[in-house]
N, C-alpha and C. Protein backbone atom coordinates (compact mmCIF):
# COMPACT_ATOMS: atom_id res chain seq x y z
N UNK A 1 0.86 -1.13 0.03
CA UNK A 1 -0.01 0.00 0.03
C UNK A 1 0.88 1.22 -0.02
N UNK A 2 0.62 2.23 -0.88
CA UNK A 2 1.41 3.40 -0.90
C UNK A 2 1.24 4.23 0.37
N UNK A 3 2.25 5.01 0.70
CA UNK A 3 2.14 5.89 1.83
C UNK A 3 2.49 7.32 1.40
N UNK A 4 2.06 8.28 2.22
CA UNK A 4 2.38 9.66 1.89
C UNK A 4 2.66 10.34 3.22
N UNK A 5 3.69 11.23 3.22
CA UNK A 5 4.04 11.98 4.38
C UNK A 5 3.11 13.18 4.42
N UNK A 6 2.66 13.45 5.61
CA UNK A 6 1.84 14.66 5.84
C UNK A 6 2.41 15.40 7.07
N UNK A 7 2.11 16.65 7.20
CA UNK A 7 2.54 17.46 8.32
C UNK A 7 1.92 17.00 9.62
N UNK A 8 2.61 17.28 10.72
CA UNK A 8 2.11 16.80 12.03
C UNK A 8 0.74 17.45 12.27
N UNK A 9 0.55 18.74 12.02
CA UNK A 9 -0.73 19.38 12.23
C UNK A 9 -1.82 18.75 11.39
N UNK A 10 -1.51 18.41 10.14
CA UNK A 10 -2.47 17.76 9.30
C UNK A 10 -2.87 16.38 9.77
N UNK A 11 -1.90 15.62 10.29
CA UNK A 11 -2.12 14.34 10.85
C UNK A 11 -3.07 14.43 12.07
N UNK A 12 -2.81 15.40 12.91
CA UNK A 12 -3.65 15.63 14.10
C UNK A 12 -5.06 15.93 13.65
N UNK A 13 -5.21 16.77 12.68
CA UNK A 13 -6.57 17.12 12.23
C UNK A 13 -7.26 15.92 11.58
N UNK A 14 -6.51 15.15 10.81
CA UNK A 14 -7.05 13.89 10.25
C UNK A 14 -7.52 13.01 11.29
N UNK A 15 -6.72 12.82 12.34
CA UNK A 15 -7.08 11.93 13.46
C UNK A 15 -8.32 12.41 14.18
N UNK A 16 -8.38 13.75 14.39
CA UNK A 16 -9.58 14.30 15.07
C UNK A 16 -10.83 14.14 14.26
N UNK A 17 -10.74 14.38 12.94
CA UNK A 17 -11.90 14.16 12.08
C UNK A 17 -12.33 12.74 12.05
N UNK A 18 -11.36 11.89 11.91
CA UNK A 18 -11.68 10.42 11.83
C UNK A 18 -12.31 9.94 13.16
N UNK A 19 -11.85 10.43 14.27
CA UNK A 19 -12.44 9.96 15.53
C UNK A 19 -13.82 10.58 15.69
N UNK A 20 -14.02 11.80 15.37
CA UNK A 20 -15.31 12.49 15.47
C UNK A 20 -16.38 11.83 14.61
N UNK A 21 -15.96 11.38 13.41
CA UNK A 21 -16.89 10.75 12.49
C UNK A 21 -16.91 9.31 12.53
N UNK A 22 -16.10 8.65 13.36
CA UNK A 22 -16.08 7.23 13.47
C UNK A 22 -15.56 6.58 12.22
N UNK A 23 -14.62 7.16 11.59
CA UNK A 23 -14.14 6.59 10.31
C UNK A 23 -12.66 6.32 10.42
N UNK A 24 -12.20 5.57 9.40
CA UNK A 24 -10.70 5.28 9.27
C UNK A 24 -10.06 6.55 8.65
N UNK A 25 -8.75 6.73 8.86
CA UNK A 25 -8.02 7.87 8.27
C UNK A 25 -8.18 7.76 6.76
N UNK A 26 -8.02 6.57 6.21
CA UNK A 26 -8.16 6.40 4.78
C UNK A 26 -9.51 6.86 4.24
N UNK A 27 -10.57 6.58 4.92
CA UNK A 27 -11.88 7.01 4.48
C UNK A 27 -12.05 8.52 4.48
N UNK A 28 -11.51 9.14 5.57
CA UNK A 28 -11.53 10.62 5.63
C UNK A 28 -10.78 11.23 4.46
N UNK A 29 -9.55 10.70 4.22
CA UNK A 29 -8.79 11.21 3.16
C UNK A 29 -9.50 11.08 1.79
N UNK A 30 -10.11 9.92 1.58
CA UNK A 30 -10.82 9.63 0.34
C UNK A 30 -11.91 10.68 0.14
N UNK A 31 -12.75 10.88 1.17
CA UNK A 31 -13.83 11.89 1.05
C UNK A 31 -13.30 13.25 0.83
N UNK A 32 -12.18 13.61 1.47
CA UNK A 32 -11.67 14.89 1.35
C UNK A 32 -11.15 15.15 -0.03
N UNK A 33 -10.46 14.12 -0.63
CA UNK A 33 -10.02 14.25 -2.00
C UNK A 33 -11.11 14.35 -2.98
N UNK A 34 -12.22 13.59 -2.80
CA UNK A 34 -13.36 13.68 -3.66
C UNK A 34 -13.94 15.08 -3.65
N UNK A 35 -14.11 15.63 -2.39
CA UNK A 35 -14.71 16.98 -2.24
C UNK A 35 -13.77 17.97 -2.88
N UNK A 36 -12.46 17.87 -2.73
CA UNK A 36 -11.55 18.79 -3.31
C UNK A 36 -11.58 18.76 -4.83
N UNK A 37 -11.71 17.57 -5.36
CA UNK A 37 -11.80 17.38 -6.82
C UNK A 37 -13.07 18.07 -7.34
N UNK A 38 -14.20 17.87 -6.69
CA UNK A 38 -15.47 18.51 -7.07
C UNK A 38 -15.37 20.04 -7.00
N UNK A 39 -14.73 20.50 -5.89
CA UNK A 39 -14.57 21.94 -5.70
C UNK A 39 -13.74 22.55 -6.77
N UNK A 40 -12.62 22.00 -7.06
CA UNK A 40 -11.68 22.50 -8.08
C UNK A 40 -12.37 22.45 -9.49
N UNK A 41 -13.12 21.36 -9.74
CA UNK A 41 -13.84 21.23 -11.01
C UNK A 41 -14.80 22.44 -11.20
N UNK A 42 -15.59 22.62 -10.14
CA UNK A 42 -16.57 23.75 -10.24
C UNK A 42 -15.94 25.10 -10.28
N UNK A 43 -14.79 25.30 -9.57
CA UNK A 43 -14.07 26.57 -9.73
C UNK A 43 -13.61 26.77 -11.16
N UNK A 44 -13.03 25.70 -11.79
CA UNK A 44 -12.58 25.84 -13.13
C UNK A 44 -13.77 26.09 -14.12
N UNK A 45 -14.90 25.41 -13.87
CA UNK A 45 -16.10 25.54 -14.73
C UNK A 45 -16.59 27.03 -14.59
N UNK A 46 -16.65 27.49 -13.36
CA UNK A 46 -17.05 28.90 -13.17
C UNK A 46 -16.15 29.95 -13.89
N UNK A 47 -14.88 29.68 -13.76
CA UNK A 47 -13.90 30.56 -14.47
C UNK A 47 -14.10 30.53 -15.96
N UNK A 48 -14.38 29.32 -16.53
CA UNK A 48 -14.57 29.17 -17.94
C UNK A 48 -15.85 29.93 -18.37
N UNK A 49 -16.91 29.83 -17.57
CA UNK A 49 -18.11 30.57 -17.90
C UNK A 49 -17.94 32.08 -17.83
N UNK A 50 -17.16 32.50 -16.77
CA UNK A 50 -16.87 33.94 -16.69
C UNK A 50 -16.13 34.45 -17.85
N UNK A 51 -15.20 33.66 -18.32
CA UNK A 51 -14.42 34.02 -19.52
C UNK A 51 -15.32 34.07 -20.75
N UNK A 52 -16.23 33.07 -20.88
CA UNK A 52 -17.13 33.05 -21.92
C UNK A 52 -18.07 34.28 -21.95
N UNK A 53 -18.55 34.65 -20.73
CA UNK A 53 -19.46 35.83 -20.61
C UNK A 53 -18.77 37.11 -21.02
N UNK A 54 -17.43 37.18 -20.90
CA UNK A 54 -16.70 38.40 -21.29
C UNK A 54 -16.63 38.56 -22.80
N UNK A 55 -16.79 37.46 -23.57
CA UNK A 55 -16.82 37.51 -24.98
C UNK A 55 -18.22 37.61 -25.48
N UNK A 56 -18.71 38.80 -25.71
CA UNK A 56 -20.11 39.02 -25.95
C UNK A 56 -20.65 38.17 -27.11
N UNK A 57 -20.00 38.08 -28.28
CA UNK A 57 -20.52 37.27 -29.38
C UNK A 57 -20.68 35.79 -28.95
N UNK A 58 -19.64 35.23 -28.36
CA UNK A 58 -19.67 33.85 -27.97
C UNK A 58 -20.76 33.62 -26.84
N UNK A 59 -20.89 34.57 -25.92
CA UNK A 59 -21.92 34.41 -24.90
C UNK A 59 -23.30 34.42 -25.45
N UNK A 60 -23.56 35.33 -26.46
CA UNK A 60 -24.83 35.39 -27.12
C UNK A 60 -25.15 34.08 -27.87
N UNK A 61 -24.10 33.48 -28.46
CA UNK A 61 -24.23 32.18 -29.10
C UNK A 61 -24.59 31.13 -28.11
N UNK A 62 -23.96 31.12 -26.95
CA UNK A 62 -24.30 30.19 -25.90
C UNK A 62 -25.74 30.33 -25.44
N UNK A 63 -26.19 31.59 -25.25
CA UNK A 63 -27.56 31.75 -24.83
C UNK A 63 -28.55 31.33 -25.87
N UNK A 64 -28.21 31.55 -27.15
CA UNK A 64 -29.09 31.11 -28.26
C UNK A 64 -29.16 29.62 -28.28
N UNK A 65 -28.07 28.94 -28.06
CA UNK A 65 -28.05 27.50 -28.03
C UNK A 65 -28.88 26.95 -26.89
N UNK A 66 -28.75 27.62 -25.72
CA UNK A 66 -29.56 27.13 -24.56
C UNK A 66 -31.04 27.28 -24.90
N UNK A 67 -31.39 28.38 -25.53
CA UNK A 67 -32.82 28.58 -25.95
C UNK A 67 -33.24 27.47 -26.88
N UNK A 68 -32.46 27.06 -27.78
CA UNK A 68 -32.80 25.93 -28.70
C UNK A 68 -33.08 24.62 -27.88
N UNK A 69 -32.15 24.38 -26.92
CA UNK A 69 -32.32 23.20 -26.08
C UNK A 69 -33.58 23.29 -25.23
N UNK A 70 -33.88 24.50 -24.72
CA UNK A 70 -35.11 24.64 -23.94
C UNK A 70 -36.37 24.36 -24.76
N UNK A 71 -36.29 24.65 -26.00
CA UNK A 71 -37.42 24.44 -26.89
C UNK A 71 -37.69 22.90 -27.05
N UNK A 72 -36.63 22.07 -26.93
CA UNK A 72 -36.83 20.67 -27.10
C UNK A 72 -37.68 20.06 -25.97
N UNK A 73 -37.78 20.79 -24.91
CA UNK A 73 -38.58 20.36 -23.76
C UNK A 73 -40.10 20.40 -24.11
N UNK A 74 -40.39 21.19 -25.09
CA UNK A 74 -41.75 21.41 -25.50
C UNK A 74 -42.19 20.57 -26.76
N UNK A 75 -41.45 19.39 -27.00
CA UNK A 75 -41.70 18.68 -28.20
C UNK A 75 -42.84 17.67 -28.10
N UNK A 76 -43.50 17.71 -26.92
CA UNK A 76 -44.67 16.83 -26.75
C UNK A 76 -44.35 15.52 -26.07
N UNK A 77 -43.02 15.24 -25.81
CA UNK A 77 -42.70 13.95 -25.15
C UNK A 77 -43.03 14.10 -23.69
N UNK A 78 -43.11 13.01 -23.05
CA UNK A 78 -43.55 12.89 -21.61
C UNK A 78 -42.32 13.14 -20.69
N UNK A 79 -41.12 13.15 -21.23
CA UNK A 79 -39.94 13.34 -20.38
C UNK A 79 -39.33 14.68 -20.54
């Protein structure tokens, strides 16, 4: 099994969280990494949309495409 060195303060925090939640250290780290990954993904996505909004022609194209997709919801299907 691979190992990783962490700072003493981080290890203490990890142990505290694990004890408080009744989890193994490995489980706490797994959840933390998943949350970090989601967080950074959303940060990058938000930055990309902010950049897109700054480009008026491309942003208007995006909005027009969204409107086309919204119209597909009115196609008479039950879903």
